Amino acid sequence: MDFGPAQPELLSGARNAVETCLAIQPGERVALIADLASKAVAASLAAALKERSAICEGFLLEDLAPRPLKRAPQQVLDALGRADAGILCMQPQEGELGARKDIVGVVERRHIRYAHMIGVTPEIMQQGMRADYKMVDRLSEKLLQRMHSARSLTVRTEAGTSLVATFDSALDWVKTSGLISRRYWSNLPAGEVFTTPAKVDGTFVCDGTAGDHFCGKYGDLQRTPLVLEIQAGRLQKATCERKDLEEEFWSYCHTDENSDRVGELAFGTNLSLSDMIGVLLQDEKLPGVHLAFGDPYGSQTHAAWSSRTHVDVLARRCDVWIDEEQVIEKGRYMLARLGLA
C-alpha cells in the first residue's frame, strides 16, 4: 500500500516514532496499518521507515473491510504474524474495541515492538510526537520506582475531583514512556505509568477528554464536565449537564459485569504537553493522573479480571500526593521531589 507523499511538517514526529520509540533497524519488516482519516500520518511514518531502510508492509483498513470493524482483517493479523514491529494509526469508531484487541493479541503473543496510535492527528505528530522521550522515560522510571512502595495516591482538582486510591502489590505498575520494547507495546505519543488499583473511593470530575468513541463524539468536556462517583473501585453515579453523554456513558459502563470497575489508574508523563486538545491519545499523556473504567490490561498489570470495554476519563490541573508528599501541583510535576531537578 502506497500512502502517498509525506507532509514535511510531520516528518520530525514520524522519525521520532520510527528511530527513537520503535528503534527500527535497517532490513526489519514493519506492518503499518492505517485508515483513510489517518492517511497523512501513515504517509509520514512510511517515509521515515523508508529513510531507515526498513521493509514496510502497508494496509488501508477501508480496503479490507467495512467500518466499524467487527474483527481485525485477517490480512492485518497475518502481516503482524511475520513482522518485527507494527504500527496502527486510525480513528476510533464505536464498536471497534474488539478488532483492536485482535491486533494487540497478536502483538502480545509474538512479543513484537508495537505502536498503538488510536486517534492520531497531524497536530499530534507536531506536538506530543516531538517530545524528548529520553526525559519522559527518566520521569516515568522515577514514578515507577516510587509507586512500588506507595500505600496510597490522593488526587484533587479545583473542578471537584477528590479521591484516594490504594494498591495491591501483586499487580504490576507498567511504564510506557515511548521507548518501546518487546516486553511492552505502547501508545504513541507516549508518557504513562499505570496499574490496576486495588481500591478507589471518591469523586472524579472529567473536565478534559473521555476515551473510546466518546472522544470523537463529545470532544473536550471542560464546559460540560462529567462527574463520576466511585465507591470501592466501582462507578456508583454519573452526572452531566449533557444528558445524552450522561446516559450513554452510564450505559457503556454497564456493558458487562466489570465495565463499571476502575481498571486503570495512570500518571501522564509527557512533559512536552501543556494543555488538552480533545484527543485522548495525546491528552492522557498530559502531566497529571487519570482513570479508566473497564478492562485492566491484565496481560500487563496481571489483574485477574477482564471487560469488553475500556474508557478513560481525564481531569485538568491535578494536585497529586503519593502517600503524604505532593508530587504534582496544578498539573505540573514537582521534579525536585522526584529527584529530577
Protein backbone atom coordinates (compact mmCIF):
# COMPACT_ATOMS: atom_id res chain seq x y z
CA MET A 1 0.00 0.00 0.00
CA ASP A 2 1.33 3.42 -1.02
CA PHE A 3 0.06 6.08 1.40
CA GLY A 4 1.20 8.92 -0.85
CA PRO A 5 3.70 11.76 -0.32
CA ALA A 6 4.65 12.78 3.22
CA GLN A 7 3.93 16.26 4.53
CA PRO A 8 7.30 17.78 5.57
CA GLU A 9 5.92 19.19 8.84
CA LEU A 10 5.02 15.67 10.02
CA LEU A 11 8.39 14.07 9.37
CA SER A 12 10.09 15.11 12.63
CA GLY A 13 7.44 13.34 14.72
CA ALA A 14 7.46 10.35 12.38
CA ARG A 15 11.23 10.00 12.65
CA ASN A 16 10.94 10.17 16.43
CA ALA A 17 8.41 7.32 16.31
CA VAL A 18 10.46 5.14 13.99
CA GLU A 19 14.01 5.83 15.16
CA THR A 20 13.69 6.65 18.89
CA CYS A 21 10.48 4.99 20.06
CA LEU A 22 10.44 1.80 17.98
CA ALA A 23 14.19 1.72 17.29
CA ILE A 24 13.59 0.29 13.83
CA GLN A 25 16.73 -1.16 12.25
CA PRO A 26 17.58 -1.44 8.52
CA GLY A 27 16.03 -4.52 6.98
CA GLU A 28 13.38 -5.01 9.66
CA ARG A 29 9.83 -5.74 8.48
CA VAL A 30 7.17 -3.34 9.79
CA ALA A 31 3.39 -3.73 9.42
CA LEU A 32 1.89 -0.23 9.03
CA ILE A 33 -1.92 -0.24 9.39
CA ALA A 34 -3.99 2.92 8.88
CA ASP A 35 -7.43 4.19 7.96
CA LEU A 36 -8.38 6.88 5.45
CA ALA A 37 -8.68 9.57 8.14
CA SER A 38 -5.10 8.89 9.26
CA LYS A 39 -3.56 8.53 5.79
CA ALA A 40 -1.40 11.67 6.07
CA VAL A 41 0.14 10.43 9.31
CA ALA A 42 0.71 6.99 7.77
CA ALA A 43 2.46 8.60 4.80
CA SER A 44 4.92 10.34 7.13
CA LEU A 45 5.59 7.10 9.01
CA ALA A 46 6.11 5.22 5.75
CA ALA A 47 8.61 7.88 4.65
CA ALA A 48 10.50 7.60 7.93
CA LEU A 49 10.57 3.80 7.58
CA LYS A 50 11.95 4.16 4.05
CA GLU A 51 14.68 6.50 5.32
CA ARG A 52 15.54 3.81 7.85
CA SER A 53 15.77 1.18 5.06
CA ALA A 54 13.02 -0.87 6.71
CA ILE A 55 10.59 -3.09 4.81
CA CYS A 56 7.14 -1.52 5.14
CA GLU A 57 4.03 -3.63 4.56
CA GLY A 58 1.18 -1.12 4.46
CA PHE A 59 -2.59 -1.61 4.80
CA LEU A 60 -5.56 0.75 4.49
CA LEU A 61 -8.39 -0.64 6.60
CA GLU A 62 -11.18 0.58 4.34
CA ASP A 63 -9.68 -1.51 1.52
CA LEU A 64 -10.03 -4.65 3.65
CA ALA A 65 -13.38 -4.45 5.48
CA PRO A 66 -16.35 -2.13 6.13
CA ARG A 67 -16.20 0.20 9.15
CA PRO A 68 -16.83 -0.07 12.00
CA LEU A 69 -14.69 -3.20 12.11
CA LYS A 70 -16.30 -6.17 13.78
CA ARG A 71 -12.98 -8.06 13.84
CA ALA A 72 -9.47 -7.25 12.63
CA PRO A 73 -8.95 -8.19 8.96
CA GLN A 74 -7.04 -11.43 8.55
CA GLN A 75 -4.53 -9.78 6.19
CA VAL A 76 -3.53 -7.42 9.02
CA LEU A 77 -3.17 -10.24 11.54
CA ASP A 78 -1.10 -12.25 9.07
CA ALA A 79 1.22 -9.28 8.46
CA LEU A 80 1.74 -8.79 12.19
CA GLY A 81 2.45 -12.51 12.39
CA ARG A 82 5.55 -12.09 10.21
CA ALA A 83 6.62 -8.55 11.25
CA ASP A 84 9.42 -7.40 13.52
CA ALA A 85 7.32 -4.38 14.56
CA GLY A 86 3.88 -2.91 13.98
CA ILE A 87 2.15 0.48 13.89
CA LEU A 88 -1.61 1.06 13.99
CA CYS A 89 -2.77 4.62 13.24
CA MET A 90 -6.54 5.05 12.96
CA GLN A 91 -9.54 6.99 14.25
CA PRO A 92 -11.71 5.01 16.69
CA GLN A 93 -15.29 4.15 15.81
CA GLU A 94 -17.95 2.81 18.15
CA GLY A 95 -17.85 -0.96 18.49
CA GLU A 96 -14.27 -1.44 17.24
CA LEU A 97 -12.54 -2.22 20.54
CA GLY A 98 -12.74 -5.96 19.80
CA ALA A 99 -10.95 -5.51 16.48
CA ARG A 100 -8.17 -3.53 18.14
CA LYS A 101 -7.89 -6.26 20.79
CA ASP A 102 -7.40 -8.79 17.98
CA ILE A 103 -4.40 -6.79 16.80
CA VAL A 104 -2.94 -6.36 20.27
CA GLY A 105 -3.45 -10.08 20.87
CA VAL A 106 -1.06 -10.96 18.03
CA VAL A 107 1.44 -8.36 19.23
CA GLU A 108 1.44 -9.74 22.78
CA ARG A 109 1.61 -13.34 21.63
CA ARG A 110 4.61 -12.69 19.41
CA HIS A 111 6.27 -10.04 21.65
CA ILE A 112 6.99 -7.65 18.80
CA ARG A 113 7.59 -3.92 19.18
CA TYR A 114 4.30 -2.12 18.55
CA ALA A 115 3.00 1.47 18.46
CA HIS A 116 -0.75 1.92 19.08
CA MET A 117 -1.75 5.32 17.63
CA ILE A 118 -5.55 5.43 18.04
CA GLY A 119 -6.86 8.93 17.28
CA VAL A 120 -3.55 10.26 15.97
CA THR A 121 -3.72 13.52 14.01
CA PRO A 122 -1.26 15.75 12.15
CA GLU A 123 -1.46 18.13 15.14
CA ILE A 124 -0.32 15.35 17.48
CA MET A 125 2.57 14.48 15.17
CA GLN A 126 3.75 18.08 15.58
CA GLN A 127 3.24 18.15 19.37
CA GLY A 128 3.39 15.00 21.51
CA MET A 129 5.39 13.06 18.95
CA ARG A 130 8.18 15.65 19.12
CA ALA A 131 8.79 15.03 22.85
CA ASP A 132 12.17 14.24 24.34
CA TYR A 133 11.33 10.62 25.08
CA LYS A 134 14.54 10.01 26.98
CA MET A 135 13.41 12.63 29.52
CA VAL A 136 9.88 11.18 29.53
CA ASP A 137 11.46 7.81 30.31
CA ARG A 138 13.51 9.25 33.19
CA LEU A 139 10.41 10.75 34.83
CA SER A 140 8.38 7.59 34.20
CA GLU A 141 11.07 5.41 35.76
CA LYS A 142 11.21 7.61 38.90
CA LEU A 143 7.43 7.29 39.32
CA LEU A 144 7.53 3.57 38.65
CA GLN A 145 10.08 3.03 41.42
CA ARG A 146 8.22 5.34 43.80
CA MET A 147 4.88 3.60 43.30
CA HIS A 148 6.28 0.14 44.03
CA SER A 149 6.24 1.02 47.73
CA ALA A 150 3.41 3.59 47.80
CA ARG A 151 0.47 2.94 50.09
CA SER A 152 -1.95 5.46 48.58
CA LEU A 153 -2.49 8.16 45.98
CA THR A 154 -4.64 11.25 46.51
CA VAL A 155 -5.94 13.33 43.58
CA ARG A 156 -7.75 16.66 43.81
CA THR A 157 -8.71 19.37 41.33
CA GLU A 158 -10.36 22.79 41.51
CA ALA A 159 -13.20 21.33 39.40
CA GLY A 160 -14.17 18.98 42.23
CA THR A 161 -12.11 15.82 41.91
CA SER A 162 -11.31 14.35 45.33
CA LEU A 163 -10.35 10.70 45.52
CA VAL A 164 -7.99 8.26 47.18
CA ALA A 165 -6.61 5.10 45.58
CA THR A 166 -4.82 2.19 47.22
CA PHE A 167 -2.82 -0.58 45.58
CA ASP A 168 -2.20 -4.32 45.52
CA SER A 169 1.48 -5.31 45.48
CA ALA A 170 0.56 -8.36 43.37
CA LEU A 171 -0.48 -6.07 40.49
CA ASP A 172 2.26 -4.53 38.37
CA TRP A 173 2.93 -0.89 37.62
CA VAL A 174 3.70 -0.54 33.90
CA LYS A 175 5.81 2.13 32.22
CA THR A 176 5.00 3.17 28.63
CA SER A 177 7.39 6.05 28.19
CA GLY A 178 7.84 5.93 24.43
CA LEU A 179 10.90 3.70 24.40
CA ILE A 180 9.12 0.60 23.15
CA SER A 181 10.43 -2.87 23.87
CA ARG A 182 9.40 -6.42 23.03
CA ARG A 183 8.04 -6.73 26.58
CA TYR A 184 5.53 -3.87 26.43
CA TRP A 185 3.76 -2.29 23.47
CA SER A 186 2.85 1.37 23.86
CA ASN A 187 0.56 4.12 22.69
CA LEU A 188 2.28 6.87 20.73
CA PRO A 189 2.57 9.65 21.64
CA ALA A 190 3.64 8.10 24.91
CA GLY A 191 4.14 9.01 28.53
CA GLU A 192 2.22 6.90 31.04
CA VAL A 193 2.83 4.90 34.21
CA PHE A 194 -0.21 2.82 35.12
CA THR A 195 -1.61 -0.02 37.19
CA THR A 196 -4.90 -1.59 38.16
CA PRO A 197 -5.70 -0.08 41.57
CA ALA A 198 -6.92 -2.27 44.41
CA LYS A 199 -9.47 0.32 45.52
CA VAL A 200 -10.64 3.81 44.54
CA ASP A 201 -13.06 5.95 46.54
CA GLY A 202 -14.30 9.48 45.93
CA THR A 203 -15.32 11.82 43.12
CA PHE A 204 -13.62 12.16 39.75
CA VAL A 205 -14.61 15.14 37.60
CA CYS A 206 -13.82 14.55 33.96
CA ASP A 207 -13.38 18.12 32.69
CA GLY A 208 -10.99 17.03 29.94
CA THR A 209 -11.34 14.19 27.47
CA ALA A 210 -13.16 10.85 27.68
CA GLY A 211 -11.95 7.77 25.84
CA ASP A 212 -13.06 5.25 23.21
CA HIS A 213 -15.66 6.74 20.82
CA PHE A 214 -16.66 9.41 23.37
CA CYS A 215 -13.58 11.40 22.39
CA GLY A 216 -14.59 11.88 18.77
CA LYS A 217 -18.27 12.30 19.58
CA TYR A 218 -18.11 14.73 22.52
CA GLY A 219 -14.59 16.22 22.42
CA ASP A 220 -13.27 18.36 25.27
CA LEU A 221 -15.61 18.28 28.30
CA GLN A 222 -14.30 21.40 30.03
CA ARG A 223 -17.59 23.27 29.63
CA THR A 224 -19.81 20.28 30.47
CA PRO A 225 -17.87 18.10 32.95
CA LEU A 226 -18.84 14.50 33.66
CA VAL A 227 -19.00 13.96 37.43
CA LEU A 228 -18.29 10.37 38.48
CA GLU A 229 -18.92 8.98 41.96
CA ILE A 230 -16.79 5.94 42.79
CA GLN A 231 -17.01 3.60 45.75
CA ALA A 232 -14.77 0.56 46.35
CA GLY A 233 -13.49 0.85 42.78
CA ARG A 234 -16.95 0.77 41.15
CA LEU A 235 -18.84 3.57 39.38
CA GLN A 236 -21.87 4.47 41.50
CA LYS A 237 -23.22 7.53 39.71
CA ALA A 238 -22.53 9.66 36.63
CA THR A 239 -23.97 13.16 36.17
CA CYS A 240 -23.54 15.74 33.43
CA GLU A 241 -25.42 18.76 32.05
CA ARG A 242 -25.40 16.90 28.73
CA LYS A 243 -27.91 14.17 29.48
CA ASP A 244 -27.11 12.35 26.23
CA LEU A 245 -23.49 11.99 27.36
CA GLU A 246 -24.53 11.05 30.90
CA GLU A 247 -26.88 8.31 29.70
CA GLU A 248 -24.51 6.98 27.05
CA PHE A 249 -21.54 6.86 29.44
CA TRP A 250 -23.60 5.10 32.13
CA SER A 251 -24.85 2.56 29.61
CA TYR A 252 -21.34 1.94 28.26
CA CYS A 253 -20.07 1.37 31.80
CA HIS A 254 -22.70 -1.33 32.29
CA THR A 255 -21.95 -3.35 29.14
CA ASP A 256 -20.70 -6.27 31.23
CA GLU A 257 -20.11 -7.11 34.89
CA ASN A 258 -16.76 -5.27 35.01
CA SER A 259 -17.44 -2.29 32.74
CA ASP A 260 -18.11 -0.09 35.80
CA ARG A 261 -14.89 -1.13 37.57
CA VAL A 262 -11.78 1.09 37.69
CA GLY A 263 -9.37 -0.95 35.61
CA GLU A 264 -6.62 1.63 35.25
CA LEU A 265 -5.06 4.44 37.25
CA ALA A 266 -2.33 6.26 35.35
CA PHE A 267 0.14 9.11 35.55
CA GLY A 268 0.63 11.16 32.39
CA THR A 269 4.36 11.87 31.99
CA ASN A 270 4.83 13.65 28.65
CA LEU A 271 6.49 16.89 29.74
CA SER A 272 6.20 18.45 26.27
CA LEU A 273 2.42 18.87 26.73
CA SER A 274 0.76 21.81 28.49
CA ASP A 275 -2.98 21.53 27.71
CA MET A 276 -5.57 19.19 26.27
CA ILE A 277 -6.62 19.26 22.63
CA GLY A 278 -9.69 17.00 22.86
CA VAL A 279 -7.93 13.87 21.53
CA LEU A 280 -7.45 11.12 24.11
CA LEU A 281 -4.35 9.62 22.51
CA GLN A 282 -2.37 12.74 23.39
CA ASP A 283 -4.40 14.21 26.25
CA GLU A 284 -3.95 11.17 28.53
CA LYS A 285 -0.16 11.75 28.41
CA LEU A 286 -0.51 15.28 29.85
CA PRO A 287 1.09 15.59 33.31
CA GLY A 288 -1.49 14.52 35.89
CA VAL A 289 -3.45 11.42 36.92
CA HIS A 290 -6.39 9.83 35.12
CA LEU A 291 -8.63 6.78 35.44
CA ALA A 292 -10.22 4.26 33.10
CA PHE A 293 -13.27 2.08 33.67
CA GLY A 294 -13.34 -1.43 32.25
CA ASP A 295 -10.61 -3.75 31.03
CA PRO A 296 -7.47 -3.59 33.24
CA TYR A 297 -4.95 -4.70 30.58
CA GLY A 298 -4.41 -7.81 32.65
CA SER A 299 -1.70 -9.11 30.33
CA GLN A 300 0.43 -6.21 31.59
CA THR A 301 -0.84 -5.45 35.12
CA HIS A 302 -1.68 -9.12 35.91
CA ALA A 303 -5.19 -8.22 37.07
CA ALA A 304 -7.24 -11.43 37.07
CA TRP A 305 -10.45 -9.99 35.62
CA SER A 306 -11.41 -8.51 32.25
CA SER A 307 -14.05 -6.50 30.42
CA ARG A 308 -15.18 -5.98 26.84
CA THR A 309 -14.99 -2.21 27.37
CA HIS A 310 -12.35 0.34 28.39
CA VAL A 311 -12.97 4.08 28.68
CA ASP A 312 -10.52 6.67 30.03
CA VAL A 313 -11.59 9.83 31.84
CA LEU A 314 -9.26 12.82 32.25
CA ALA A 315 -9.13 15.77 34.63
CA ARG A 316 -7.33 19.08 34.22
CA ARG A 317 -4.74 20.68 36.53
CA CYS A 318 -4.44 17.86 39.05
CA ASP A 319 -2.91 18.14 42.51
CA VAL A 320 -1.45 14.73 43.40
CA TRP A 321 0.04 13.24 46.55
CA ILE A 322 1.95 9.95 46.79
CA ASP A 323 1.24 8.97 50.39
CA GLU A 324 1.65 12.34 52.16
CA GLU A 325 4.07 14.01 49.71
CA GLN A 326 2.74 16.22 46.94
CA VAL A 327 4.37 15.45 43.57
CA ILE A 328 2.09 17.32 41.12
CA GLU A 329 0.75 20.84 41.63
CA LYS A 330 -1.86 22.21 39.23
CA GLY A 331 -0.77 19.80 36.54
CA ARG A 332 2.98 20.40 36.89
CA TYR A 333 5.41 17.88 38.29
CA MET A 334 7.43 18.95 41.32
CA LEU A 335 10.55 17.44 39.77
CA ALA A 336 12.86 18.15 42.70
CA ARG A 337 10.72 15.90 44.93
CA LEU A 338 11.20 13.12 42.39
CA GLY A 339 14.96 13.62 42.19
CA LEU A 340 14.87 15.20 38.73
CA ALA A 341 15.64 18.87 39.40
